[in-house]
């Protein structure tokens, strides 16, 4: 049957009259009249004339099984869910949502999304997720126009496409910016113009790509900085509320929305990425965050192997790791991991224990035994380990004051049988060991996981740029 939100259910009650006769030699019968009465079928819990409720009644009466019930739910999807069912059908056929601007020379690259416009990959395996400011900034630098576009499928007609462009002399993350620009686009409210600059001075909104390209016909607007983009602005009425959409960490506002940037896509397509030399990698969240908001980590990759890794979560410590982990499965008695952390940021100001770690891990269980070398957001390099599953982590630290300004460097983890050691370097040539070599019997088995873990000490997505990852 076709996909529908609801289906009626009618029972047919026939009434038949028969005449039975005897001829003196044999018996016979004939149908003399028939009538049909159409009534509402009796559904579960008094929900009559409802096919789904009728099936539920049959299920509880053990006349159909759970598999049959689940099959019906693929066709009867419930109120307001047809659009999701249609999207799932398109994805099953290999189609993904997106947008291309016909007037653009390069096309549009998606940077964040939600609802039916989730970023490619994150609805199924969480292997990409929304971008952060480091990856966005690289795309913006490569854009010849700097035009941004917000698509909102369930906004009012005039708000469904909003083009944003900075004026000459202004740009995202300018010298007076008080927070990463992309935070503002994703739906953070900073109560003033210090992130973007004054409207119609530093930047403007437009209804068409051609207007944004020529910087003509900007929206007349007194931007409301006490709310979220588009600041209650409207090109027709001047003011219109409730047209915002937040992407992190609260997914409120309009449901189906995304941001795009006018530039060539420098990132490797999702289905062509590799990590650790293989396409059979894992990119998973360990407990998305403690407040149960669906912040998805992930990564993008350049063709030269540079990784933009993103993750949220409150700690990589204690008995449970809250982070995003990008890894590949490995084996062998001895192993050496090395990588360069080019930059690490986007964690909230004041959070000094956000981490990006080079990690060896027994399993993909958040409580798994592990050994890692981490760059923290305020306490330099840290070697740390959980000796057995569900045990508390311990480590080797050089400071606790949160005042370190180290945001890059090389890190290495070495496994020699059951002996583990961690190193850091400023240039990748001269290495310094952090702490002493640890004897951790049975930390991992014959097969284990190696890769990058990242968290932000919060619900927000942190981001690290990583290159020269090697497993030997």
Foldseek 3Di string as FASTA:
>chain_A
DAADQWAFAKDKDKDWDKDWDDPPPDIDMDTDDMDIDIDWDQFPPRDTRTPLRNVVVCPVVVNDDPVVNVVVCLRNVHPPCVVVSVLVVCVVVVDADDDFDPPFPATKDFQQWFDSNHPPPCVPALAAHHHDQVVVVVQCVQFPFSKKWKAFPPFPPQLRIKIKGFDPPADFPPPQAPAGLVQQVQWDQPQDCSGQHAEPPGMFIDRDPVCSRVVPLTADEDAGSVGGPPRQQGNPPGGHPQQDAHRPQDGDGGGTMTMITRHHDQWDDPQPDDDQPHSPKHKDFFQQEPVPRNHGWHWTAGPQGKIKTKWAYAALWFQFGGWIWIKDKDFDQKKKKKWKFPFKDDFDPPQFAWWKWWKWFADPHRRTWIWIWIQTNFFGIKTKTALGGRHTMDTFGDDDPRHDPDGIWMKMWIGRRQKIWIWTGRPVPDIDTGDDIDRRPCSHDRMTITGMITHRSHSTMMIIIMDPIHMD
